[in-house]
C-alpha atoms as a PDB file:
ATOM      1  CA  VAL A   1     -30.062 141.942-180.489  1.00  0.00           C
ATOM      2  CA  GLN A   2     -28.145 138.796-179.589  1.00  0.00           C
ATOM      3  CA  LEU A   3     -30.130 136.894-176.659  1.00  0.00           C
ATOM      4  CA  GLN A   4     -28.041 134.545-174.255  1.00  0.00           C
ATOM      5  CA  ALA A   5     -30.230 131.865-172.586  1.00  0.00           C
ATOM      6  CA  SER A   6     -28.637 130.634-169.551  1.00  0.00           C
ATOM      7  CA  GLY A   7     -29.721 128.539-166.376  1.00  0.00           C
ATOM      8  CA  GLY A   8     -31.144 125.276-167.268  1.00  0.00           C
ATOM      9  CA  GLY A   9     -30.042 121.961-165.387  1.00  0.00           C
ATOM     10  CA  LEU A  10     -31.556 118.664-163.708  1.00  0.00           C
ATOM     11  CA  VAL A  11     -33.954 119.172-161.184  1.00  0.00           C
ATOM     12  CA  GLN A  12     -36.245 116.738-159.194  1.00  0.00           C
ATOM     13  CA  ALA A  13     -39.976 117.270-159.379  1.00  0.00           C
ATOM     14  CA  GLY A  14     -41.118 119.941-156.814  1.00  0.00           C
ATOM     15  CA  ASP A  15     -37.856 121.505-157.035  1.00  0.00           C
ATOM     16  CA  SER A  16     -37.475 125.473-158.203  1.00  0.00           C
ATOM     17  CA  LEU A  17     -35.426 126.438-161.228  1.00  0.00           C
ATOM     18  CA  ARG A  18     -34.540 130.102-162.628  1.00  0.00           C
ATOM     19  CA  VAL A  19     -33.580 130.435-165.911  1.00  0.00           C
ATOM     20  CA  SER A  20     -32.238 133.884-167.709  1.00  0.00           C
ATOM     21  CA  CYS A  21     -32.029 135.471-170.846  1.00  0.00           C
ATOM     22  CA  ALA A  22     -29.217 138.413-171.651  1.00  0.00           C
ATOM     23  CA  ALA A  23     -30.130 140.713-174.218  1.00  0.00           C
ATOM     24  CA  SER A  24     -27.163 142.822-175.899  1.00  0.00           C
ATOM     25  CA  GLY A  25     -28.353 146.475-177.171  1.00  0.00           C
ATOM     26  CA  GLY A  26     -31.468 147.988-175.691  1.00  0.00           C
ATOM     27  CA  THR A  27     -34.756 145.961-175.008  1.00  0.00           C
ATOM     28  CA  SER A  28     -36.492 147.932-172.604  1.00  0.00           C
ATOM     29  CA  SER A  29     -39.574 148.189-174.953  1.00  0.00           C
ATOM     30  CA  SER A  30     -39.216 144.776-176.366  1.00  0.00           C
ATOM     31  CA  SER A  31     -41.559 142.207-175.715  1.00  0.00           C
ATOM     32  CA  ILE A  32     -39.296 139.210-174.480  1.00  0.00           C
ATOM     33  CA  GLY A  33     -41.140 135.689-174.014  1.00  0.00           C
ATOM     34  CA  TRP A  34     -39.650 132.521-173.396  1.00  0.00           C
ATOM     35  CA  PHE A  35     -40.805 129.413-175.492  1.00  0.00           C
ATOM     36  CA  ARG A  36     -40.060 125.480-174.944  1.00  0.00           C
ATOM     37  CA  GLN A  37     -39.628 122.770-176.668  1.00  0.00           C
ATOM     38  CA  ALA A  38     -39.721 118.956-175.253  1.00  0.00           C
ATOM     39  CA  PRO A  39     -38.180 115.939-176.774  1.00  0.00           C
ATOM     40  CA  GLY A  40     -40.076 114.775-179.938  1.00  0.00           C
ATOM     41  CA  LYS A  41     -43.015 117.766-179.856  1.00  0.00           C
ATOM     42  CA  GLU A  42     -43.293 120.961-181.344  1.00  0.00           C
ATOM     43  CA  ARG A  43     -42.015 124.484-179.397  1.00  0.00           C
ATOM     44  CA  GLU A  44     -44.495 126.303-177.527  1.00  0.00           C
ATOM     45  CA  PHE A  45     -45.188 129.345-175.597  1.00  0.00           C
ATOM     46  CA  VAL A  46     -44.268 129.532-171.818  1.00  0.00           C
ATOM     47  CA  ALA A  47     -44.355 133.346-170.560  1.00  0.00           C
ATOM     48  CA  VAL A  48     -43.861 136.619-172.000  1.00  0.00           C
ATOM     49  CA  SER A  49     -42.819 140.245-170.778  1.00  0.00           C
ATOM     50  CA  PHE A  50     -44.974 142.034-173.087  1.00  0.00           C
ATOM     51  CA  ARG A  51     -43.051 145.618-173.803  1.00  0.00           C
ATOM     52  CA  GLY A  52     -42.032 145.675-170.432  1.00  0.00           C
ATOM     53  CA  GLN A  53     -45.779 146.128-168.997  1.00  0.00           C
ATOM     54  CA  ARG A  54     -47.549 143.059-168.941  1.00  0.00           C
ATOM     55  CA  GLU A  55     -46.910 139.576-168.340  1.00  0.00           C
ATOM     56  CA  TYR A  56     -48.824 136.178-170.152  1.00  0.00           C
ATOM     57  CA  TYR A  57     -48.102 132.815-168.978  1.00  0.00           C
ATOM     58  CA  THR A  58     -49.843 129.911-170.583  1.00  0.00           C
ATOM     59  CA  ASP A  59     -52.542 128.237-168.332  1.00  0.00           C
ATOM     60  CA  SER A  60     -50.310 125.363-167.933  1.00  0.00           C
ATOM     61  CA  VAL A  61     -47.885 127.215-166.181  1.00  0.00           C
ATOM     62  CA  LYS A  62     -49.952 130.215-164.175  1.00  0.00           C
ATOM     63  CA  GLY A  63     -49.247 130.139-160.555  1.00  0.00           C
ATOM     64  CA  ARG A  64     -45.817 127.816-161.139  1.00  0.00           C
ATOM     65  CA  PHE A  65     -43.747 130.151-163.153  1.00  0.00           C
ATOM     66  CA  THR A  66     -42.770 134.150-162.881  1.00  0.00           C
ATOM     67  CA  ILE A  67     -41.081 135.970-165.513  1.00  0.00           C
ATOM     68  CA  SER A  68     -39.639 139.059-164.596  1.00  0.00           C
ATOM     69  CA  ARG A  69     -36.705 141.664-165.895  1.00  0.00           C
ATOM     70  CA  ASP A  70     -34.365 144.008-165.231  1.00  0.00           C
ATOM     71  CA  ASN A  71     -33.628 146.720-167.932  1.00  0.00           C
ATOM     72  CA  SER A  72     -30.550 147.815-166.181  1.00  0.00           C
ATOM     73  CA  LYS A  73     -29.121 144.911-167.031  1.00  0.00           C
ATOM     74  CA  ASN A  74     -30.997 143.722-169.969  1.00  0.00           C
ATOM     75  CA  THR A  75     -31.604 140.157-168.690  1.00  0.00           C
ATOM     76  CA  VAL A  76     -35.197 138.658-168.494  1.00  0.00           C
ATOM     77  CA  SER A  77     -35.402 136.011-165.919  1.00  0.00           C
ATOM     78  CA  LEU A  78     -38.078 133.024-165.450  1.00  0.00           C
ATOM     79  CA  GLN A  79     -38.542 131.674-161.772  1.00  0.00           C
ATOM     80  CA  MET A  80     -40.059 127.864-162.082  1.00  0.00           C
ATOM     81  CA  ASN A  81     -41.386 126.681-159.172  1.00  0.00           C
ATOM     82  CA  ASN A  82     -42.984 123.132-158.269  1.00  0.00           C
ATOM     83  CA  LEU A  83     -41.358 121.592-161.549  1.00  0.00           C
ATOM     84  CA  GLN A  84     -42.720 118.854-163.015  1.00  0.00           C
ATOM     85  CA  PRO A  85     -41.075 116.005-165.386  1.00  0.00           C
ATOM     86  CA  GLY A  86     -43.954 117.397-168.139  1.00  0.00           C
ATOM     87  CA  ASP A  87     -41.606 120.808-167.851  1.00  0.00           C
ATOM     88  CA  THR A  88     -38.761 119.149-169.142  1.00  0.00           C
ATOM     89  CA  ALA A  89     -37.847 120.882-172.704  1.00  0.00           C
ATOM     90  CA  VAL A  90     -35.313 123.271-174.006  1.00  0.00           C
ATOM     91  CA  TYR A  91     -36.088 126.915-173.231  1.00  0.00           C
ATOM     92  CA  TYR A  92     -35.649 129.510-175.348  1.00  0.00           C
ATOM     93  CA  CYS A  93     -35.910 133.202-174.982  1.00  0.00           C
ATOM     94  CA  ALA A  94     -37.539 135.238-177.746  1.00  0.00           C
ATOM     95  CA  ALA A  95     -37.256 139.251-178.342  1.00  0.00           C
ATOM     96  CA  SER A  96     -39.092 141.578-180.663  1.00  0.00           C
ATOM     97  CA  SER A  97     -39.833 145.365-180.993  1.00  0.00           C
ATOM     98  CA  THR A  98     -42.943 144.486-182.692  1.00  0.00           C
ATOM     99  CA  VAL A  99     -44.645 141.930-181.120  1.00  0.00           C
ATOM    100  CA  ILE A 100     -48.497 142.993-181.215  1.00  0.00           C
ATOM    101  CA  LEU A 101     -51.037 141.346-178.016  1.00  0.00           C
ATOM    102  CA  SER A 102     -52.888 139.126-180.181  1.00  0.00           C
ATOM    103  CA  GLU A 103     -49.400 137.574-181.473  1.00  0.00           C
ATOM    104  CA  TYR A 104     -47.396 137.263-177.999  1.00  0.00           C
ATOM    105  CA  SER A 105     -47.921 133.443-178.486  1.00  0.00           C
ATOM    106  CA  LYS A 106     -46.579 133.324-181.719  1.00  0.00           C
ATOM    107  CA  GLU A 107     -43.268 132.013-182.960  1.00  0.00           C
ATOM    108  CA  ARG A 108     -43.154 134.004-185.682  1.00  0.00           C
ATOM    109  CA  ALA A 109     -43.927 137.425-183.413  1.00  0.00           C
ATOM    110  CA  TYR A 110     -40.692 137.406-182.286  1.00  0.00           C
ATOM    111  CA  ARG A 111     -37.665 138.368-184.576  1.00  0.00           C
ATOM    112  CA  TYR A 112     -34.421 137.444-181.958  1.00  0.00           C
ATOM    113  CA  TRP A 113     -33.738 134.036-180.613  1.00  0.00           C
ATOM    114  CA  GLY A 114     -31.466 132.621-177.905  1.00  0.00           C
ATOM    115  CA  GLN A 115     -29.858 129.042-178.092  1.00  0.00           C
ATOM    116  CA  GLY A 116     -31.869 127.922-175.537  1.00  0.00           C
ATOM    117  CA  THR A 117     -30.997 126.284-172.209  1.00  0.00           C
ATOM    118  CA  LEU A 118     -32.181 122.256-171.504  1.00  0.00           C
ATOM    119  CA  VAL A 119     -34.418 122.031-168.201  1.00  0.00           C
ATOM    120  CA  THR A 120     -34.848 118.324-167.140  1.00  0.00           C
ATOM    121  CA  VAL A 121     -36.963 117.415-164.367  1.00  0.00           C
ATOM    122  CA  SER A 122     -36.875 113.769-162.922  1.00  0.00           C
ATOM    123  CA  SER A 123     -39.941 112.124-161.446  1.00  0.00           C
END
């Protein structure tokens, strides 16, 4: 499986942005998640489409970010609303067919990773 993230850019605080992850191969039953890494910080979990059945989010983005997937196009998108400077980071998508519920927020649970797309939010 190869993942290609796209859609990053420079926006102002309060703006919206949509990043997408295109997957090669069948991923309809896989878990596909988004992680982000801000400058000088460790990579952190953002959201996941868990086996295409449930969505989970980190607390700081709940109510602002929405993850969705289109299995016909093998894409997973992250709609980000009311962006804040603290959301500035490189956003990575990751996928695996073996993620278990207790591990969906852990990097080690994901086998495949995209290259990342930079989101910069100015104040």
